[in-house]
Amino acid sequence: MSDDWWRWVASRDSLTSRLICAGGGQTFRVILLDQRLARPRLDESQGLAMPRTQLAWCREVALCLEERPWVVARSVVPLTQLRGQRLDRLGENSLGSWLFRQPGLARSPIEVTATPPPFFPDTGPWGRRSVFRHGRGYRRFTVLVQEWFLDTMTDDLGLPSR
């Protein structure tokens, strides 16, 4: 992986903030692609250490600059962890902007993939995922966040293909 891509893929801060900064004044927008209760994919249930048969809140979005998708993301929260969280009301707001305001937020190591997003037709060089946690006991909240950097971002920022 090139150093340019490593700075994006390995970053542990808010991707939303990074995209807005890299856009240099371009209009940033979150487009909600899908949001529903569903059973997670096998790799997702394993990443969350939850039974595959358990329902989860799943959300898929495109993070766009000037209406061009640069990143697509899929977030998965076990239904048992949604107590009081009204994430269904996020609409076209960034999950990251909410998540990074939570006290005591912890993030797992980042896993990297070259596999394309399974829910979006565009491709890109890299994807990543990690699990965010905050709270304790019955107030504990866990979300698997998966993000794929698309070729439009590669082209618009003049990044290497890999």
Protein backbone atom coordinates (compact mmCIF):
# COMPACT_ATOMS: atom_id res chain seq x y z
CA MET A 1 0.00 0.00 0.00
CA SER A 2 1.32 3.44 -0.87
CA ASP A 3 2.05 5.98 1.88
CA ASP A 4 -0.72 8.21 0.50
CA TRP A 5 -3.28 5.45 0.93
CA TRP A 6 -1.89 4.35 4.27
CA ARG A 7 -2.62 7.81 5.68
CA TRP A 8 -6.29 7.37 4.71
CA VAL A 9 -6.75 3.69 5.54
CA ALA A 10 -4.93 3.70 8.89
CA SER A 11 -6.39 6.97 10.20
CA ARG A 12 -8.23 6.58 13.49
CA ASP A 13 -9.97 9.95 13.56
CA SER A 14 -13.24 10.91 11.88
CA LEU A 15 -13.31 9.96 8.20
CA THR A 16 -16.12 12.47 7.67
CA SER A 17 -13.88 15.30 8.91
CA ARG A 18 -10.99 14.10 6.74
CA LEU A 19 -13.19 13.97 3.63
CA ILE A 20 -14.55 17.47 4.24
CA CYS A 21 -11.00 18.79 4.65
CA ALA A 22 -9.73 16.98 1.53
CA GLY A 23 -12.68 18.31 -0.45
CA GLY A 24 -11.32 21.83 -0.12
CA GLY A 25 -14.66 23.59 0.14
CA GLN A 26 -16.65 21.19 -2.02
CA THR A 27 -20.11 20.34 -0.72
CA PHE A 28 -20.08 17.22 1.47
CA ARG A 29 -23.20 15.08 1.61
CA VAL A 30 -24.24 11.74 3.07
CA ILE A 31 -26.65 9.82 0.84
CA LEU A 32 -28.64 7.14 2.64
CA LEU A 33 -28.66 4.04 0.42
CA ASP A 34 -30.40 1.61 2.78
CA GLN A 35 -31.31 1.25 6.43
CA ARG A 36 -33.13 -1.73 7.93
CA LEU A 37 -33.17 -4.53 10.45
CA ALA A 38 -31.51 -7.59 8.98
CA ARG A 39 -29.31 -10.51 9.78
CA PRO A 40 -25.64 -9.53 9.41
CA ARG A 41 -23.34 -11.23 6.94
CA LEU A 42 -21.22 -14.02 8.41
CA ASP A 43 -18.05 -11.89 8.55
CA GLU A 44 -20.01 -9.10 10.25
CA SER A 45 -21.50 -11.34 12.93
CA GLN A 46 -18.03 -12.77 13.57
CA GLY A 47 -16.55 -9.26 13.81
CA LEU A 48 -19.19 -8.33 16.38
CA ALA A 49 -19.02 -11.70 18.20
CA MET A 50 -22.77 -12.08 17.85
CA PRO A 51 -24.93 -15.01 16.69
CA ARG A 52 -25.57 -14.87 12.94
CA THR A 53 -29.28 -15.46 13.55
CA GLN A 54 -29.60 -12.32 15.71
CA LEU A 55 -31.05 -9.23 14.07
CA ALA A 56 -28.98 -6.09 13.63
CA TRP A 57 -29.54 -2.51 12.52
CA CYS A 58 -27.77 -2.17 9.17
CA ARG A 59 -27.14 1.14 7.42
CA GLU A 60 -25.48 1.76 4.06
CA VAL A 61 -24.46 5.24 2.92
CA ALA A 62 -22.41 7.02 0.29
CA LEU A 63 -20.15 9.85 1.46
CA CYS A 64 -20.06 12.33 -1.41
CA LEU A 65 -18.24 15.47 -2.46
CA GLU A 66 -20.20 17.51 -4.99
CA GLU A 67 -22.60 14.56 -5.35
CA ARG A 68 -19.72 12.23 -6.35
CA PRO A 69 -19.38 9.22 -4.02
CA TRP A 70 -15.86 9.03 -2.60
CA VAL A 71 -16.58 6.44 0.11
CA VAL A 72 -19.38 3.98 0.79
CA ALA A 73 -19.96 2.66 4.28
CA ARG A 74 -21.96 -0.06 5.98
CA SER A 75 -22.59 0.02 9.72
CA VAL A 76 -23.98 -2.87 11.74
CA VAL A 77 -25.26 -2.67 15.33
CA PRO A 78 -26.62 -5.73 17.18
CA LEU A 79 -30.29 -5.05 17.88
CA THR A 80 -29.72 -5.86 21.56
CA GLN A 81 -27.34 -2.87 21.78
CA LEU A 82 -29.69 -0.21 20.43
CA ARG A 83 -31.29 0.58 23.78
CA GLY A 84 -32.32 4.21 23.53
CA GLN A 85 -30.07 4.96 20.57
CA ARG A 86 -32.18 6.59 17.84
CA LEU A 87 -29.80 5.89 14.97
CA ASP A 88 -32.74 5.40 12.62
CA ARG A 89 -33.17 9.18 12.85
CA LEU A 90 -29.70 9.93 11.47
CA GLY A 91 -31.13 10.12 7.97
CA GLU A 92 -28.51 11.73 5.77
CA ASN A 93 -26.31 12.76 8.69
CA SER A 94 -22.96 11.12 9.26
CA LEU A 95 -22.80 8.31 11.83
CA GLY A 96 -19.19 9.35 12.45
CA SER A 97 -20.21 12.85 13.49
CA TRP A 98 -22.42 11.29 16.19
CA LEU A 99 -20.02 8.49 17.09
CA PHE A 100 -16.94 10.64 17.70
CA ARG A 101 -18.90 12.75 20.22
CA GLN A 102 -19.56 9.73 22.47
CA PRO A 103 -17.64 9.68 25.76
CA GLY A 104 -15.17 6.86 26.32
CA LEU A 105 -15.19 5.77 22.68
CA ALA A 106 -12.82 2.87 21.97
CA ARG A 107 -11.89 1.55 18.53
CA SER A 108 -10.61 -1.90 17.65
CA PRO A 109 -7.63 -2.40 15.34
CA ILE A 110 -8.45 -1.57 11.72
CA GLU A 111 -8.81 -4.48 9.30
CA VAL A 112 -7.96 -3.75 5.64
CA THR A 113 -9.34 -5.38 2.51
CA ALA A 114 -8.98 -5.05 -1.25
CA THR A 115 -12.41 -6.64 -1.76
CA PRO A 116 -15.01 -4.30 -3.34
CA PRO A 117 -18.12 -3.24 -1.43
CA PRO A 118 -20.80 -5.97 -1.61
CA PHE A 119 -23.70 -3.48 -1.84
CA PHE A 120 -22.46 -0.81 -4.27
CA PRO A 121 -21.61 -1.08 -7.98
CA ASP A 122 -18.51 1.17 -7.93
CA THR A 123 -15.15 -0.20 -6.91
CA GLY A 124 -12.02 1.18 -5.35
CA PRO A 125 -8.60 0.21 -4.14
CA TRP A 126 -9.18 -0.33 -0.43
CA GLY A 127 -11.73 -0.99 2.26
CA ARG A 128 -11.41 -1.05 6.01
CA ARG A 129 -13.43 -1.93 9.05
CA SER A 130 -13.28 -1.63 12.81
CA VAL A 131 -15.53 -1.97 15.83
CA PHE A 132 -16.37 1.03 17.99
CA ARG A 133 -17.50 0.63 21.59
CA HIS A 134 -18.61 2.95 24.35
CA GLY A 135 -20.55 2.59 27.57
CA ARG A 136 -20.72 -0.26 30.07
CA GLY A 137 -23.16 -2.91 31.19
CA TYR A 138 -26.64 -2.53 29.80
CA ARG A 139 -25.63 0.87 28.33
CA ARG A 140 -22.86 -0.68 26.26
CA PHE A 141 -22.97 0.19 22.57
CA THR A 142 -21.06 -1.58 19.81
CA VAL A 143 -21.04 -0.82 16.07
CA LEU A 144 -19.08 -2.39 13.22
CA VAL A 145 -18.17 0.33 10.72
CA GLN A 146 -17.00 -0.73 7.25
CA GLU A 147 -15.76 1.84 4.73
CA TRP A 148 -14.68 1.42 1.11
CA PHE A 149 -12.66 4.13 -0.65
CA LEU A 150 -13.88 4.44 -4.25
CA ASP A 151 -12.11 5.11 -7.53
CA THR A 152 -13.80 8.55 -7.75
CA MET A 153 -11.88 9.58 -4.64
CA THR A 154 -8.70 8.14 -6.12
CA ASP A 155 -9.19 10.13 -9.32
CA ASP A 156 -10.36 13.40 -7.68
CA LEU A 157 -7.44 13.47 -5.20
CA GLY A 158 -4.84 12.12 -7.64
CA LEU A 159 -4.06 9.17 -5.37
CA PRO A 160 -2.22 6.09 -6.67
CA SER A 161 -4.44 3.20 -7.75
CA ARG A 162 -3.02 1.15 -4.83
